[in-house]
């Protein structure tokens, strides 16, 4: 999968486990793995972004909590597409 930095934003779709990605189709399910602590969250792409260089995905605050990086603000992650 793709490796890069994740940030988070306020996103209310997909039961709170939603995310923004620059190119994956809307509705794509993605497994996000925090490479710093091994935590995993499954999110659904519902938005476009992030627009800051070096970031590969913006996840919801709820997903950032599940991945254990909300306080830090950023995490190094791996993205694996699960399905449409």
C-alpha atoms as a PDB file:
ATOM      1  CA  UNK A   1       0.000   0.000   0.000  1.00  0.00           C
ATOM      2  CA  UNK A   2       0.821   3.684  -0.043  1.00  0.00           C
ATOM      3  CA  UNK A   3       2.916   5.071   2.812  1.00  0.00           C
ATOM      4  CA  UNK A   4       2.843   8.686   3.924  1.00  0.00           C
ATOM      5  CA  UNK A   5       1.544  11.113   6.507  1.00  0.00           C
ATOM      6  CA  UNK A   6      -2.045  11.237   7.719  1.00  0.00           C
ATOM      7  CA  UNK A   7      -3.739  14.209   9.313  1.00  0.00           C
ATOM      8  CA  UNK A   8      -7.327  14.573  10.477  1.00  0.00           C
ATOM      9  CA  UNK A   9     -10.339  16.822  10.072  1.00  0.00           C
ATOM     10  CA  UNK A  10     -13.981  16.994  11.122  1.00  0.00           C
ATOM     11  CA  UNK A  11     -15.843  14.519   8.939  1.00  0.00           C
ATOM     12  CA  UNK A  12     -19.249  13.126   9.871  1.00  0.00           C
ATOM     13  CA  UNK A  13     -20.018  10.536   7.190  1.00  0.00           C
ATOM     14  CA  UNK A  14     -19.569   6.743   7.255  1.00  0.00           C
ATOM     15  CA  UNK A  15     -20.425   6.384  10.942  1.00  0.00           C
ATOM     16  CA  UNK A  16     -17.577   8.718  11.800  1.00  0.00           C
ATOM     17  CA  UNK A  17     -14.968   6.625   9.984  1.00  0.00           C
ATOM     18  CA  UNK A  18     -14.598   8.719   6.839  1.00  0.00           C
ATOM     19  CA  UNK A  19     -11.641  10.277   5.074  1.00  0.00           C
ATOM     20  CA  UNK A  20     -10.422  12.516   2.281  1.00  0.00           C
ATOM     21  CA  UNK A  21      -8.056  11.331  -0.477  1.00  0.00           C
ATOM     22  CA  UNK A  22      -6.858  13.140  -3.596  1.00  0.00           C
ATOM     23  CA  UNK A  23      -7.611  10.431  -6.164  1.00  0.00           C
ATOM     24  CA  UNK A  24      -9.347   7.301  -4.833  1.00  0.00           C
ATOM     25  CA  UNK A  25     -12.988   7.033  -5.957  1.00  0.00           C
ATOM     26  CA  UNK A  26     -15.644   8.216  -3.528  1.00  0.00           C
ATOM     27  CA  UNK A  27     -16.955   5.307  -1.464  1.00  0.00           C
ATOM     28  CA  UNK A  28     -13.665   3.374  -1.564  1.00  0.00           C
ATOM     29  CA  UNK A  29     -12.965   1.483   1.675  1.00  0.00           C
ATOM     30  CA  UNK A  30      -9.403   1.879   2.923  1.00  0.00           C
ATOM     31  CA  UNK A  31      -7.549   0.187   5.780  1.00  0.00           C
ATOM     32  CA  UNK A  32      -5.289   2.750   7.474  1.00  0.00           C
ATOM     33  CA  UNK A  33      -2.434   1.394   9.607  1.00  0.00           C
ATOM     34  CA  UNK A  34      -0.548   3.709  11.974  1.00  0.00           C
ATOM     35  CA  UNK A  35       3.059   2.587  11.461  1.00  0.00           C
ATOM     36  CA  UNK A  36       4.062   4.099  14.806  1.00  0.00           C
ATOM     37  CA  UNK A  37       1.795   1.975  17.005  1.00  0.00           C
ATOM     38  CA  UNK A  38       0.224  -0.697  14.763  1.00  0.00           C
ATOM     39  CA  UNK A  39      -3.329   0.607  15.250  1.00  0.00           C
ATOM     40  CA  UNK A  40      -5.719  -0.001  12.336  1.00  0.00           C
ATOM     41  CA  UNK A  41      -8.923   1.749  11.265  1.00  0.00           C
ATOM     42  CA  UNK A  42     -11.136   1.181   8.240  1.00  0.00           C
ATOM     43  CA  UNK A  43     -12.399   4.390   6.610  1.00  0.00           C
ATOM     44  CA  UNK A  44     -14.547   5.322   3.607  1.00  0.00           C
ATOM     45  CA  UNK A  45     -13.426   8.015   1.158  1.00  0.00           C
ATOM     46  CA  UNK A  46     -16.088  10.747   1.112  1.00  0.00           C
ATOM     47  CA  UNK A  47     -14.065  13.869   0.314  1.00  0.00           C
ATOM     48  CA  UNK A  48     -11.086  15.295  -1.599  1.00  0.00           C
ATOM     49  CA  UNK A  49      -7.834  16.257   0.076  1.00  0.00           C
ATOM     50  CA  UNK A  50      -5.458  16.625   1.812  1.00  0.00           C
ATOM     51  CA  UNK A  51      -3.985  19.580  -0.029  1.00  0.00           C
ATOM     52  CA  UNK A  52      -0.809  19.871   2.044  1.00  0.00           C
ATOM     53  CA  UNK A  53       2.291  18.308   0.495  1.00  0.00           C
ATOM     54  CA  UNK A  54       3.485  15.007   1.920  1.00  0.00           C
ATOM     55  CA  UNK A  55       0.097  14.023   3.340  1.00  0.00           C
ATOM     56  CA  UNK A  56      -1.637  11.033   1.763  1.00  0.00           C
ATOM     57  CA  UNK A  57      -4.972  11.026   3.628  1.00  0.00           C
ATOM     58  CA  UNK A  58      -7.081  13.107   6.004  1.00  0.00           C
ATOM     59  CA  UNK A  59      -9.095  10.880   8.329  1.00  0.00           C
ATOM     60  CA  UNK A  60     -11.985  11.853  10.600  1.00  0.00           C
ATOM     61  CA  UNK A  61     -11.331  12.808  14.217  1.00  0.00           C
ATOM     62  CA  UNK A  62     -12.980   9.527  15.276  1.00  0.00           C
ATOM     63  CA  UNK A  63     -10.594   7.530  13.054  1.00  0.00           C
ATOM     64  CA  UNK A  64      -7.630   9.585  14.357  1.00  0.00           C
ATOM     65  CA  UNK A  65      -8.689   8.586  17.898  1.00  0.00           C
ATOM     66  CA  UNK A  66      -8.882   4.919  16.862  1.00  0.00           C
ATOM     67  CA  UNK A  67      -5.452   5.195  15.223  1.00  0.00           C
ATOM     68  CA  UNK A  68      -3.998   6.876  18.310  1.00  0.00           C
ATOM     69  CA  UNK A  69      -2.684  10.077  16.720  1.00  0.00           C
ATOM     70  CA  UNK A  70      -5.309  12.724  17.400  1.00  0.00           C
ATOM     71  CA  UNK A  71      -3.193  14.403  20.070  1.00  0.00           C
ATOM     72  CA  UNK A  72      -0.038  14.267  17.910  1.00  0.00           C
ATOM     73  CA  UNK A  73      -1.938  15.621  14.883  1.00  0.00           C
ATOM     74  CA  UNK A  74      -0.007  13.621  12.285  1.00  0.00           C
ATOM     75  CA  UNK A  75       1.012   9.991  11.869  1.00  0.00           C
ATOM     76  CA  UNK A  76       3.015   7.920   9.398  1.00  0.00           C
ATOM     77  CA  UNK A  77       0.547   5.469   7.896  1.00  0.00           C
ATOM     78  CA  UNK A  78       0.096   2.761   5.276  1.00  0.00           C
ATOM     79  CA  UNK A  79      -3.051   2.766   3.158  1.00  0.00           C
ATOM     80  CA  UNK A  80      -4.477  -0.471   1.744  1.00  0.00           C
ATOM     81  CA  UNK A  81      -7.571  -0.391  -0.462  1.00  0.00           C
ATOM     82  CA  UNK A  82     -10.085  -2.977   0.761  1.00  0.00           C
ATOM     83  CA  UNK A  83     -12.820  -2.469  -1.813  1.00  0.00           C
ATOM     84  CA  UNK A  84     -15.219  -0.072  -3.495  1.00  0.00           C
END
